[in-house]
Amino acid sequence: MNVLEKLQAAMTNALSDAALNAGLVDSRDELPPIVLEVPKEKSHGDLATNLAMQLTKIAKRNPRQIAEAIVEYIDKSRAWIESAEIAGPGFINFRLDKSFLYPVIGDVLEQAGKYGSVDAGRGRTIQVEFVSANPTGSLHLGHARGAAVGDVLCNVLSFAGYEVTREYYINDAGKQVVNLARSIEARYRQALGQEAEMPEDGYYGEDIVGFAQELVEREGNRLLSLPDEERFNYFRDYGLEKELDKIKRDLGRFGVHFDNWYSETSLYTSGKVTAVLDALRTKGQVYEQDGAVWLSSTQYGDDKDRVLVKNDGSYTYLTPDAAYHMDKYGRGYDRMINIWGADHHGYIPRMKAAMAALGNDPDKLTVLIAQMVSLFQDGEKVKMSKRTGKAVTMEDLMDEVGVDAIRYFFTMRSMDSHLDFDMDLAVSTSNENPVFYVQYAHARICSIFRQAEEQGIALLPWQQAPLHRLTTEHEFDLLRKMGELPEVVADTARNYAPHAIIRYVYELASLFHSYYKAERVITEDTEQSQARLQLLAALRIVIANCLSMVGVSAPDQM
């Protein structure tokens, strides 16, 4: 139990006892849940409760009378209460003895890199599937945002006590892969001096030209003598390997690594696609009409029934996707999360309907949508890379602004909101740049410790430090904020809202910068210096832990 949880428990017990001892209730069972909140105005105290209003029907008195009775009977010494005041119709505002916050420093320094972690997940398993871009070209900005928010969410879920599996679904079957193979073959023939037309919807990128040239250098014209099917499979496998290697390279540079790379083709070779159709037929969930096979998805909340098998015998996208998700359910995860791009919003109801039709609990599957990103530079929208003259890729952006800025900026807004990315701001070394602002807080603390070392000031074990010398409002604000991290981690994991970690660490950095301007840390007063250095030692850990969850570096100097 962390410091703020201990305070909450102590306050709740003190209020329960006061209500009982004042004769407002006959037993604790009659008490409603006791709510304690931080007032919006600091002048109203540290905590407030509306318990008096909640008890009016039970106690049969007006709320101010109830509040007076609670204040009279509450044991202030048990819950660090300095004073209690009644406000408005019966709110009770409490001012606390801030010494209850001092143990936050001990918690942070003892737990170090694990501070903020909680056991909200209790080891439950969560599979998160994200990015899953077609292996036919470079990752674009939408993929980059999905990679950032997906990875940060996985980090937070792990920190919150869940057992997390990261998965990338490889769309290595279907028309786009046929076009990839045909495009490489056409470029290969052209590199050998032959006439060859690019396929309709072919891939015209420079990477395809490069792949073909590599094959000519390695194989000469040998591939032309292979039987058609063998030659096609060669180009297909070669192209997929090269494109996947490029995707893995870019994601690795971006700090994103997957536990599983799941091949769509394996669904066909293992018979899982036909198995899912057979299961739906057995359950009476499909019907035939106009030569096609339809899923009765309207029974499960979809706006219309969906085709699974077209009248030419080919599958729609939904069929292998249903087989893939059926496989996910079969692996026994407690929960599954998909992070899809903005253009997939309408796909959610049909996938949930397919899972329900197969007898799975659709609520175990959560789909989050990562909205699009717009780039701006010099106040203008950027669509093309200056280097290539083509659409800006994730690789281009990493070259231009660096990984830290992208991960921070792409995560700092709720993923379901559109993001405008200011490239000039992302590379600026000013307080207006939020990632610089937070990283500079960490670097500034490191600088203070270098000064302390130069002056021969060694940090005491925190148990021996004179923490009672922390007395300013700035210091209490920092202590309280640091104490909130475990709750923030639990809430972020519960709500699948990775942007909340960035909001928290930015607010923490802001409190520190204000403190730095208002107070000197190293002073002629040795006790005060020791206390303040202990505070900053803990603060440095908390900032670093947050940045670690976001996948952003915590520099020692800037």
Protein backbone atom coordinates (compact mmCIF):
# COMPACT_ATOMS: atom_id res chain seq x y z
CA MET A 1 0.00 0.00 0.00
CA ASN A 2 1.51 3.33 -1.04
CA VAL A 3 1.48 6.54 0.98
CA LEU A 4 -1.66 8.01 -0.58
CA GLU A 5 -3.54 4.72 -0.20
CA LYS A 6 -2.56 4.65 3.47
CA LEU A 7 -3.86 8.19 3.90
CA GLN A 8 -7.12 7.28 2.13
CA ALA A 9 -7.58 4.25 4.40
CA ALA A 10 -6.78 6.23 7.55
CA MET A 11 -9.17 9.05 6.59
CA THR A 12 -11.94 6.60 5.70
CA ASN A 13 -11.58 4.78 9.01
CA ALA A 14 -11.51 8.04 10.96
CA LEU A 15 -14.69 9.28 9.24
CA SER A 16 -16.44 5.93 9.75
CA ASP A 17 -15.63 5.96 13.45
CA ALA A 18 -16.74 9.60 13.80
CA ALA A 19 -20.12 8.86 12.19
CA LEU A 20 -20.56 5.84 14.47
CA ASN A 21 -19.46 7.59 17.67
CA ALA A 22 -21.65 10.61 16.89
CA GLY A 23 -24.67 8.32 16.65
CA LEU A 24 -25.30 9.18 13.00
CA VAL A 25 -25.46 5.49 12.08
CA ASP A 26 -26.01 2.33 14.12
CA SER A 27 -23.38 0.28 12.30
CA ARG A 28 -20.69 0.63 9.66
CA ASP A 29 -22.88 -1.33 7.26
CA GLU A 30 -25.23 1.68 7.03
CA LEU A 31 -22.46 3.95 5.78
CA PRO A 32 -22.35 4.79 2.07
CA PRO A 33 -18.98 4.59 0.26
CA ILE A 34 -16.87 7.44 1.62
CA VAL A 35 -15.55 9.71 -1.14
CA LEU A 36 -12.48 11.88 -0.55
CA GLU A 37 -11.46 14.33 -3.27
CA VAL A 38 -8.81 17.01 -3.73
CA PRO A 39 -10.60 20.40 -3.87
CA LYS A 40 -10.17 22.40 -7.08
CA GLU A 41 -9.16 25.45 -5.03
CA LYS A 42 -6.09 25.06 -2.81
CA SER A 43 -7.61 27.51 -0.35
CA HIS A 44 -10.30 24.90 0.40
CA GLY A 45 -7.76 22.54 1.93
CA ASP A 46 -6.11 19.26 0.96
CA LEU A 47 -9.09 16.88 0.92
CA ALA A 48 -12.84 17.21 1.05
CA THR A 49 -15.79 14.86 1.58
CA ASN A 50 -19.55 15.07 0.97
CA LEU A 51 -20.28 12.37 3.55
CA ALA A 52 -22.62 14.68 5.50
CA MET A 53 -24.90 15.08 2.47
CA GLN A 54 -24.87 11.34 1.86
CA LEU A 55 -26.05 10.67 5.44
CA THR A 56 -29.08 12.99 5.54
CA LYS A 57 -31.68 10.27 4.99
CA ILE A 58 -30.04 7.82 7.40
CA ALA A 59 -29.23 10.33 10.19
CA LYS A 60 -32.45 12.34 9.64
CA ARG A 61 -30.69 15.66 10.18
CA ASN A 62 -29.66 18.45 7.88
CA PRO A 63 -26.19 18.08 6.32
CA ARG A 64 -24.53 20.92 8.25
CA GLN A 65 -25.61 19.39 11.57
CA ILE A 66 -24.22 16.06 10.42
CA ALA A 67 -20.97 17.70 9.33
CA GLU A 68 -20.66 19.42 12.73
CA ALA A 69 -21.11 16.08 14.50
CA ILE A 70 -18.46 14.40 12.30
CA VAL A 71 -15.97 17.22 12.90
CA GLU A 72 -16.61 17.05 16.67
CA TYR A 73 -16.04 13.30 16.90
CA ILE A 74 -13.29 12.73 14.35
CA ASP A 75 -9.93 11.65 15.77
CA LYS A 76 -7.59 13.99 13.90
CA SER A 77 -4.39 12.39 15.15
CA ARG A 78 -5.21 9.09 13.44
CA ALA A 79 -5.25 10.54 9.91
CA TRP A 80 -2.74 13.42 9.84
CA ILE A 81 -5.59 15.96 10.08
CA GLU A 82 -4.54 19.45 11.17
CA SER A 83 -7.99 21.00 10.88
CA ALA A 84 -11.48 20.34 9.55
CA GLU A 85 -13.83 23.04 8.31
CA ILE A 86 -17.44 22.92 7.15
CA ALA A 87 -18.22 24.64 3.86
CA GLY A 88 -21.40 25.32 1.87
CA PRO A 89 -24.33 22.99 2.50
CA GLY A 90 -22.19 20.48 4.41
CA PHE A 91 -18.90 19.73 2.73
CA ILE A 92 -16.05 19.02 5.12
CA ASN A 93 -12.66 20.38 4.06
CA PHE A 94 -9.54 18.96 5.68
CA ARG A 95 -6.11 20.47 6.03
CA LEU A 96 -3.48 17.83 6.59
CA ASP A 97 -0.18 17.60 8.38
CA LYS A 98 2.04 17.28 5.32
CA SER A 99 4.46 15.01 7.14
CA PHE A 100 2.33 12.12 5.91
CA LEU A 101 3.99 12.70 2.52
CA TYR A 102 7.58 12.19 3.68
CA PRO A 103 7.47 8.37 3.27
CA VAL A 104 6.92 8.89 -0.49
CA ILE A 105 10.67 9.52 -0.71
CA GLY A 106 11.42 6.21 1.02
CA ASP A 107 9.01 4.34 -1.24
CA VAL A 108 10.64 5.76 -4.37
CA LEU A 109 14.25 5.26 -3.28
CA GLU A 110 13.64 1.70 -2.07
CA GLN A 111 11.67 0.59 -5.13
CA ALA A 112 13.83 2.59 -7.60
CA GLY A 113 13.08 1.44 -11.15
CA LYS A 114 9.97 -0.42 -9.98
CA TYR A 115 8.39 2.59 -8.30
CA GLY A 116 4.96 3.23 -9.73
CA SER A 117 4.39 -0.41 -10.64
CA VAL A 118 1.19 -1.95 -9.29
CA ASP A 119 -0.46 -5.35 -9.29
CA ALA A 120 -3.70 -4.22 -10.93
CA GLY A 121 -3.31 -6.94 -13.56
CA ARG A 122 -2.63 -9.73 -11.06
CA GLY A 123 -0.83 -11.65 -13.78
CA ARG A 124 -3.79 -11.69 -16.16
CA THR A 125 -2.76 -12.13 -19.78
CA ILE A 126 -3.26 -9.48 -22.45
CA GLN A 127 -2.32 -9.79 -26.09
CA VAL A 128 -1.83 -6.50 -27.93
CA GLU A 129 -1.75 -6.59 -31.73
CA PHE A 130 -0.54 -3.38 -33.33
CA VAL A 131 1.13 -1.91 -36.43
CA SER A 132 0.42 -5.01 -38.63
CA ALA A 133 1.22 -3.05 -41.80
CA ASN A 134 1.16 -4.86 -45.14
CA PRO A 135 4.75 -6.00 -45.89
CA THR A 136 4.76 -4.27 -49.25
CA GLY A 137 6.48 -0.96 -48.51
CA SER A 138 7.77 1.46 -45.90
CA LEU A 139 5.94 2.21 -42.68
CA HIS A 140 4.04 5.50 -42.88
CA LEU A 141 3.10 8.02 -40.19
CA GLY A 142 -0.12 6.21 -39.25
CA HIS A 143 1.89 3.05 -38.63
CA ALA A 144 4.37 5.09 -36.58
CA ARG A 145 1.62 6.43 -34.33
CA GLY A 146 0.20 2.93 -33.89
CA ALA A 147 3.69 1.70 -33.04
CA ALA A 148 4.23 4.44 -30.45
CA VAL A 149 0.89 4.20 -28.64
CA GLY A 150 0.87 0.40 -28.86
CA ASP A 151 4.32 0.02 -27.38
CA VAL A 152 3.71 2.56 -24.60
CA LEU A 153 0.41 0.86 -23.74
CA CYS A 154 2.22 -2.49 -23.52
CA ASN A 155 4.88 -0.94 -21.26
CA VAL A 156 2.24 0.50 -18.95
CA LEU A 157 0.23 -2.74 -18.85
CA SER A 158 3.38 -4.65 -17.91
CA PHE A 159 4.15 -2.07 -15.20
CA ALA A 160 0.59 -2.51 -13.94
CA GLY A 161 1.01 -6.23 -13.40
CA TYR A 162 -0.36 -7.73 -16.61
CA GLU A 163 1.42 -10.41 -18.60
CA VAL A 164 1.65 -8.79 -22.03
CA THR A 165 2.25 -10.37 -25.44
CA ARG A 166 3.03 -8.06 -28.35
CA GLU A 167 1.94 -9.39 -31.74
CA TYR A 168 2.33 -8.28 -35.35
CA TYR A 169 -0.08 -9.83 -37.86
CA ILE A 170 1.68 -10.22 -41.23
CA ASN A 171 -0.71 -9.75 -44.14
CA ASP A 172 1.35 -12.06 -46.38
CA ALA A 173 -1.59 -13.48 -48.35
CA GLY A 174 -3.95 -11.83 -50.79
CA LYS A 175 -3.75 -9.56 -53.77
CA GLN A 176 -1.23 -7.09 -52.36
CA VAL A 177 1.39 -9.85 -52.01
CA VAL A 178 0.66 -11.12 -55.53
CA ASN A 179 1.27 -7.58 -56.77
CA LEU A 180 4.51 -7.41 -54.78
CA ALA A 181 5.82 -10.62 -56.39
CA ARG A 182 4.74 -9.53 -59.88
CA SER A 183 6.34 -6.08 -59.36
CA ILE A 184 9.68 -7.60 -58.37
CA GLU A 185 9.56 -9.97 -61.32
CA ALA A 186 8.84 -7.12 -63.74
CA ARG A 187 11.74 -5.07 -62.36
CA TYR A 188 13.97 -8.17 -62.47
CA ARG A 189 13.20 -8.71 -66.15
CA GLN A 190 13.76 -5.00 -66.87
CA ALA A 191 17.13 -5.15 -65.07
CA LEU A 192 18.03 -8.01 -67.42
CA GLY A 193 17.14 -5.81 -70.39
CA GLN A 194 13.79 -7.41 -71.17
CA GLU A 195 10.48 -5.71 -71.90
CA ALA A 196 8.20 -6.19 -68.89
CA GLU A 197 5.06 -4.39 -67.82
CA MET A 198 4.41 -3.55 -64.20
CA PRO A 199 1.19 -5.13 -62.91
CA GLU A 200 -1.93 -3.07 -62.34
CA ASP A 201 -1.70 -1.73 -58.74
CA GLY A 202 1.99 -2.64 -58.79
CA TYR A 203 4.60 -1.23 -56.41
CA TYR A 204 6.79 1.43 -57.98
CA GLY A 205 9.08 2.25 -55.06
CA GLU A 206 12.84 2.46 -55.36
CA ASP A 207 13.12 -0.45 -52.93
CA ILE A 208 11.51 -2.78 -55.51
CA VAL A 209 14.04 -1.69 -58.13
CA GLY A 210 16.82 -2.34 -55.61
CA PHE A 211 15.51 -5.80 -54.75
CA ALA A 212 15.42 -6.75 -58.43
CA GLN A 213 18.96 -5.49 -59.00
CA GLU A 214 20.19 -7.56 -56.03
CA LEU A 215 18.61 -10.65 -57.58
CA VAL A 216 20.28 -10.01 -60.91
CA GLU A 217 23.65 -9.66 -59.20
CA ARG A 218 23.07 -12.80 -57.14
CA GLU A 219 21.19 -15.06 -59.56
CA GLY A 220 21.83 -13.68 -63.02
CA ASN A 221 19.01 -14.80 -65.32
CA ARG A 222 18.61 -18.21 -63.65
CA LEU A 223 15.16 -17.40 -62.25
CA LEU A 224 13.67 -17.04 -65.72
CA SER A 225 14.15 -20.75 -66.33
CA LEU A 226 12.10 -21.78 -63.27
CA PRO A 227 8.54 -23.12 -63.75
CA ASP A 228 5.93 -20.35 -63.41
CA GLU A 229 4.64 -21.31 -59.97
CA GLU A 230 8.11 -21.89 -58.55
CA ARG A 231 9.32 -18.56 -59.96
CA PHE A 232 6.30 -16.70 -58.56
CA ASN A 233 6.83 -18.26 -55.10
CA TYR A 234 10.51 -17.30 -55.23
CA PHE A 235 9.76 -13.65 -55.95
CA ARG A 236 6.96 -13.65 -53.36
CA ASP A 237 9.10 -15.14 -50.57
CA TYR A 238 12.08 -12.96 -51.46
CA GLY A 239 9.98 -9.79 -51.52
CA LEU A 240 8.25 -10.58 -48.24
CA GLU A 241 11.55 -11.32 -46.53
CA LYS A 242 13.12 -8.08 -47.74
CA GLU A 243 10.08 -5.95 -46.85
CA LEU A 244 9.71 -7.57 -43.42
CA ASP A 245 13.41 -7.08 -42.72
CA LYS A 246 12.96 -3.37 -43.50
CA ILE A 247 9.89 -3.13 -41.25
CA LYS A 248 11.71 -4.93 -38.41
CA ARG A 249 14.73 -2.66 -38.85
CA ASP A 250 12.61 0.52 -38.67
CA LEU A 251 10.60 -0.75 -35.69
CA GLY A 252 13.78 -1.82 -33.90
CA ARG A 253 15.24 1.65 -34.38
CA PHE A 254 11.96 3.02 -33.02
CA GLY A 255 12.33 0.85 -29.91
CA VAL A 256 9.45 -1.50 -30.76
CA HIS A 257 9.93 -5.29 -30.58
CA PHE A 258 7.31 -8.00 -30.97
CA ASP A 259 6.98 -11.35 -29.22
CA ASN A 260 5.07 -12.92 -32.12
CA TRP A 261 5.04 -12.35 -35.87
CA TYR A 262 1.90 -14.17 -37.01
CA SER A 263 1.62 -15.07 -40.71
CA GLU A 264 -1.73 -14.83 -42.48
CA THR A 265 -0.53 -17.51 -44.90
CA SER A 266 -0.24 -19.95 -41.98
CA LEU A 267 -4.00 -19.68 -41.49
CA TYR A 268 -4.49 -21.22 -44.93
CA THR A 269 -1.74 -23.85 -44.75
CA SER A 270 -2.92 -25.02 -41.31
CA GLY A 271 -6.55 -25.26 -42.43
CA LYS A 272 -7.75 -22.64 -39.94
CA VAL A 273 -9.64 -20.61 -42.55
CA THR A 274 -11.73 -23.58 -43.69
CA ALA A 275 -12.12 -24.64 -40.04
CA VAL A 276 -13.69 -21.31 -39.09
CA LEU A 277 -16.14 -21.55 -41.99
CA ASP A 278 -17.04 -25.10 -40.98
CA ALA A 279 -17.58 -23.95 -37.38
CA LEU A 280 -19.93 -21.15 -38.52
CA ARG A 281 -21.87 -23.57 -40.72
CA THR A 282 -22.20 -26.05 -37.85
CA LYS A 283 -23.53 -23.28 -35.60
CA GLY A 284 -26.03 -22.17 -38.26
CA GLN A 285 -24.50 -18.71 -38.50
CA VAL A 286 -24.07 -18.54 -42.30
CA TYR A 287 -26.35 -18.78 -45.32
CA GLU A 288 -25.96 -18.82 -49.09
CA GLN A 289 -27.40 -16.16 -51.36
CA ASP A 290 -26.53 -15.10 -54.93
CA GLY A 291 -23.81 -17.74 -55.01
CA ALA A 292 -21.99 -16.23 -52.01
CA VAL A 293 -21.69 -17.32 -48.36
CA TRP A 294 -22.92 -14.73 -45.86
CA LEU A 295 -22.40 -14.31 -42.12
CA SER A 296 -25.59 -13.49 -40.19
CA SER A 297 -23.78 -10.63 -38.47
CA THR A 298 -26.86 -8.42 -37.96
CA GLN A 299 -27.90 -10.85 -35.19
CA TYR A 300 -24.87 -9.58 -33.25
CA GLY A 301 -25.17 -5.83 -33.71
CA ASP A 302 -23.63 -5.30 -37.15
CA ASP A 303 -25.54 -2.96 -39.46
CA LYS A 304 -25.75 -5.59 -42.24
CA ASP A 305 -24.82 -9.19 -42.96
CA ARG A 306 -21.34 -9.69 -44.38
CA VAL A 307 -20.01 -11.82 -47.23
CA LEU A 308 -17.43 -14.43 -46.21
CA VAL A 309 -17.02 -16.26 -49.54
CA LYS A 310 -17.67 -14.39 -52.80
CA ASN A 311 -19.56 -15.97 -55.67
CA ASP A 312 -16.23 -16.67 -57.42
CA GLY A 313 -15.13 -18.78 -54.45
CA SER A 314 -12.58 -16.28 -53.09
CA TYR A 315 -12.61 -15.08 -49.51
CA THR A 316 -13.32 -11.57 -48.28
CA TYR A 317 -10.92 -9.98 -45.79
CA LEU A 318 -13.28 -10.91 -42.97
CA THR A 319 -12.83 -14.67 -43.38
CA PRO A 320 -9.08 -15.00 -42.65
CA ASP A 321 -9.39 -12.21 -40.06
CA ALA A 322 -12.10 -14.22 -38.28
CA ALA A 323 -9.85 -17.29 -38.40
CA TYR A 324 -6.98 -15.25 -36.96
CA HIS A 325 -9.09 -13.92 -34.11
CA MET A 326 -10.54 -17.37 -33.45
CA ASP A 327 -6.93 -18.51 -33.07
CA LYS A 328 -6.30 -15.66 -30.61
CA TYR A 329 -9.25 -16.74 -28.49
CA GLY A 330 -8.00 -20.31 -28.62
CA ARG A 331 -4.68 -19.26 -27.10
CA GLY A 332 -6.51 -18.41 -23.89
CA TYR A 333 -5.68 -14.75 -23.32
CA ASP A 334 -7.77 -13.03 -20.66
CA ARG A 335 -8.09 -10.03 -22.96
CA MET A 336 -7.06 -9.02 -26.46
CA ILE A 337 -6.44 -5.49 -27.72
CA ASN A 338 -6.14 -4.47 -31.36
CA ILE A 339 -4.83 -1.05 -32.35
CA TRP A 340 -6.13 -0.28 -35.83
CA GLY A 341 -5.78 2.69 -38.15
CA ALA A 342 -8.38 5.40 -38.62
CA ASP A 343 -9.84 3.76 -41.75
CA HIS A 344 -10.77 0.57 -39.86
CA HIS A 345 -13.41 2.01 -37.53
CA GLY A 346 -16.31 0.44 -39.44
CA TYR A 347 -14.63 -2.96 -39.30
CA ILE A 348 -15.03 -3.29 -35.53
CA PRO A 349 -18.73 -4.33 -35.38
CA ARG A 350 -18.31 -7.06 -38.00
CA MET A 351 -15.27 -8.55 -36.27
CA LYS A 352 -17.07 -8.55 -32.92
CA ALA A 353 -20.12 -10.09 -34.63
CA ALA A 354 -17.96 -12.85 -36.13
CA MET A 355 -16.50 -13.67 -32.71
CA ALA A 356 -19.95 -13.75 -31.11
CA ALA A 357 -21.24 -15.99 -33.90
CA LEU A 358 -18.38 -18.40 -33.16
CA GLY A 359 -19.41 -18.54 -29.49
CA ASN A 360 -16.67 -16.26 -28.14
CA ASP A 361 -17.19 -13.40 -25.73
CA PRO A 362 -16.83 -10.27 -27.93
CA ASP A 363 -16.16 -8.13 -24.85
CA LYS A 364 -12.79 -9.86 -24.41
CA LEU A 365 -11.69 -8.10 -27.60
CA THR A 366 -11.07 -4.35 -27.44
CA VAL A 367 -10.29 -2.38 -30.59
CA LEU A 368 -8.61 1.00 -30.23
CA ILE A 369 -8.36 3.40 -33.15
CA ALA A 370 -5.19 5.44 -33.73
CA GLN A 371 -6.17 8.51 -35.70
CA MET A 372 -4.11 10.06 -38.46
CA VAL A 373 -1.10 12.35 -38.13
CA SER A 374 -0.53 15.61 -40.06
CA LEU A 375 2.99 16.99 -40.32
CA PHE A 376 3.75 20.70 -40.20
CA GLN A 377 7.02 22.52 -40.87
CA ASP A 378 7.57 26.27 -41.19
CA GLY A 379 3.84 26.63 -40.52
CA GLU A 380 2.90 24.61 -43.61
CA LYS A 381 1.51 21.13 -43.98
CA VAL A 382 4.15 18.63 -45.16
CA LYS A 383 3.12 15.83 -47.50
CA MET A 384 6.31 14.94 -49.30
CA SER A 385 9.78 14.04 -48.08
CA LYS A 386 12.45 16.55 -49.12
CA ARG A 387 14.88 13.66 -49.47
CA THR A 388 12.82 11.41 -51.75
CA GLY A 389 10.07 13.67 -53.06
CA LYS A 390 7.54 11.05 -51.98
CA ALA A 391 5.23 10.54 -49.02
CA VAL A 392 7.01 11.02 -45.68
CA THR A 393 7.78 7.67 -44.07
CA MET A 394 8.48 6.71 -40.48
CA GLU A 395 12.14 6.37 -41.44
CA ASP A 396 12.19 9.90 -42.89
CA LEU A 397 10.71 11.32 -39.70
CA MET A 398 13.18 9.45 -37.46
CA ASP A 399 16.02 10.92 -39.55
CA GLU A 400 14.52 14.41 -39.31
CA VAL A 401 13.49 14.75 -35.64
CA GLY A 402 14.69 11.63 -33.78
CA VAL A 403 12.95 8.78 -31.99
CA ASP A 404 12.39 10.50 -28.61
CA ALA A 405 10.37 13.37 -30.06
CA ILE A 406 8.24 11.11 -32.26
CA ARG A 407 7.37 8.66 -29.48
CA TYR A 408 6.56 11.47 -27.06
CA PHE A 409 4.51 13.60 -29.48
CA PHE A 410 2.67 10.63 -31.01
CA THR A 411 1.61 9.44 -27.55
CA MET A 412 0.82 12.72 -25.83
CA ARG A 413 -2.70 13.05 -27.26
CA SER A 414 -5.50 10.53 -26.87
CA MET A 415 -5.00 8.07 -29.72
CA ASP A 416 -8.57 8.55 -30.97
CA SER A 417 -7.91 12.24 -31.70
CA HIS A 418 -6.22 13.61 -34.81
CA LEU A 419 -2.62 14.73 -34.21
CA ASP A 420 -0.86 17.72 -35.73
CA PHE A 421 2.89 17.16 -35.45
CA ASP A 422 4.99 20.33 -35.51
CA MET A 423 8.42 19.25 -36.73
CA ASP A 424 10.02 22.60 -35.84
CA LEU A 425 8.75 22.37 -32.27
CA ALA A 426 9.89 18.74 -31.98
CA VAL A 427 13.54 19.67 -32.63
CA SER A 428 13.59 22.95 -30.69
CA THR A 429 15.54 23.27 -27.45
CA SER A 430 13.02 25.45 -25.68
CA ASN A 431 10.47 25.03 -22.91
CA GLU A 432 7.73 25.12 -25.56
CA ASN A 433 8.93 21.69 -26.72
CA PRO A 434 7.26 19.33 -24.22
CA VAL A 435 9.71 16.44 -24.59
CA PHE A 436 12.67 18.80 -24.14
CA TYR A 437 10.90 20.34 -21.12
CA VAL A 438 10.54 16.96 -19.40
CA GLN A 439 13.98 15.65 -20.35
CA TYR A 440 15.54 18.92 -19.19
CA ALA A 441 13.97 18.43 -15.76
CA HIS A 442 15.83 15.13 -15.45
CA ALA A 443 19.07 16.62 -16.78
CA ARG A 444 18.77 19.61 -14.44
CA ILE A 445 18.42 17.33 -11.42
CA CYS A 446 21.51 15.40 -12.55
CA SER A 447 23.37 18.71 -12.80
CA ILE A 448 22.42 19.57 -9.21
CA PHE A 449 23.86 16.25 -8.03
CA ARG A 450 27.09 16.93 -9.91
CA GLN A 451 27.30 20.28 -8.08
CA ALA A 452 26.70 18.50 -4.76
CA GLU A 453 29.48 16.05 -5.53
CA GLU A 454 31.86 18.88 -6.45
CA GLN A 455 31.09 20.51 -3.09
CA GLY A 456 31.73 17.25 -1.24
CA ILE A 457 28.08 16.76 -0.20
CA ALA A 458 27.32 13.05 0.06
CA LEU A 459 23.70 11.88 0.17
CA LEU A 460 22.70 10.31 3.49
CA PRO A 461 20.68 7.07 3.60
CA TRP A 462 17.13 8.39 3.29
CA GLN A 463 16.13 6.94 6.70
CA GLN A 464 18.69 9.28 8.31
CA ALA A 465 17.83 12.33 6.24
CA PRO A 466 16.15 15.30 7.96
CA LEU A 467 13.01 15.16 5.83
CA HIS A 468 11.18 17.37 8.33
CA ARG A 469 13.09 20.25 6.71
CA LEU A 470 10.89 19.88 3.62
CA THR A 471 8.31 22.54 4.48
CA THR A 472 7.47 24.61 1.39
CA GLU A 473 4.31 24.25 -0.69
CA HIS A 474 6.48 23.50 -3.75
CA GLU A 475 8.01 20.55 -1.92
CA PHE A 476 4.65 19.21 -0.75
CA ASP A 477 3.29 19.56 -4.28
CA LEU A 478 6.18 17.48 -5.61
CA LEU A 479 5.78 14.84 -2.89
CA ARG A 480 2.05 14.53 -3.48
CA LYS A 481 2.53 14.31 -7.25
CA MET A 482 5.18 11.61 -6.92
CA GLY A 483 2.87 9.72 -4.61
CA GLU A 484 0.20 9.65 -7.33
CA LEU A 485 2.23 7.63 -9.84
CA PRO A 486 0.99 4.14 -8.78
CA GLU A 487 -2.63 5.31 -9.13
CA VAL A 488 -1.86 6.94 -12.50
CA VAL A 489 -0.31 3.69 -13.78
CA ALA A 490 -3.33 1.67 -12.62
CA ASP A 491 -5.80 4.12 -14.22
CA THR A 492 -3.79 4.31 -17.47
CA ALA A 493 -3.78 0.51 -17.74
CA ARG A 494 -7.47 0.26 -16.87
CA ASN A 495 -8.50 2.87 -19.46
CA TYR A 496 -5.96 1.92 -22.17
CA ALA A 497 -4.94 5.59 -22.25
CA PRO A 498 -1.13 5.86 -22.63
CA HIS A 499 -1.34 9.65 -23.08
CA ALA A 500 -2.14 9.91 -19.34
CA ILE A 501 1.46 8.97 -18.45
CA ILE A 502 2.77 11.82 -20.58
CA ARG A 503 0.32 14.28 -19.03
CA TYR A 504 1.46 13.14 -15.57
CA VAL A 505 5.22 13.41 -16.20
CA TYR A 506 4.78 16.81 -17.88
CA GLU A 507 2.90 18.12 -14.82
CA LEU A 508 5.61 16.67 -12.56
CA ALA A 509 8.36 18.34 -14.60
CA SER A 510 6.44 21.63 -14.46
CA LEU A 511 6.26 21.43 -10.66
CA PHE A 512 10.00 20.80 -10.53
CA HIS A 513 10.89 23.73 -12.80
CA SER A 514 8.74 26.02 -10.63
CA TYR A 515 10.48 24.67 -7.51
CA TYR A 516 13.91 25.22 -9.07
CA LYS A 517 13.08 28.86 -9.77
CA ALA A 518 11.69 29.44 -6.26
CA GLU A 519 14.23 27.62 -4.08
CA ARG A 520 17.93 26.84 -3.94
CA VAL A 521 18.56 23.14 -3.38
CA ILE A 522 22.12 23.35 -2.11
CA THR A 523 22.31 26.00 0.62
CA GLU A 524 24.56 26.83 3.57
CA ASP A 525 22.05 24.96 5.73
CA THR A 526 23.36 21.37 5.62
CA GLU A 527 20.16 19.77 6.91
CA GLN A 528 17.99 21.60 4.43
CA SER A 529 20.35 20.71 1.57
CA GLN A 530 20.26 17.02 2.56
CA ALA A 531 16.46 17.02 2.70
CA ARG A 532 16.14 18.70 -0.68
CA LEU A 533 18.67 16.39 -2.30
CA GLN A 534 16.67 13.41 -1.01
CA LEU A 535 13.57 14.91 -2.61
CA LEU A 536 15.34 15.35 -5.93
CA ALA A 537 16.89 11.86 -5.80
CA ALA A 538 13.37 10.46 -5.64
CA LEU A 539 12.06 12.87 -8.26
CA ARG A 540 14.80 11.87 -10.71
CA ILE A 541 13.71 8.23 -10.40
CA VAL A 542 10.03 9.03 -10.95
CA ILE A 543 10.73 11.08 -14.09
CA ALA A 544 13.05 8.38 -15.45
CA ASN A 545 10.45 5.65 -14.78
CA CYS A 546 7.80 7.59 -16.66
CA LEU A 547 10.09 8.29 -19.61
CA SER A 548 11.06 4.62 -19.65
CA MET A 549 7.38 3.65 -20.03
CA VAL A 550 7.10 6.10 -22.92
CA GLY A 551 10.30 4.72 -24.48
CA VAL A 552 12.03 8.10 -24.29
CA SER A 553 15.57 8.63 -22.96
CA ALA A 554 16.27 10.36 -19.66
CA PRO A 555 19.49 12.31 -20.38
CA ASP A 556 21.97 13.29 -17.67
CA GLN A 557 22.83 16.53 -19.44
CA MET A 558 21.47 18.59 -22.32
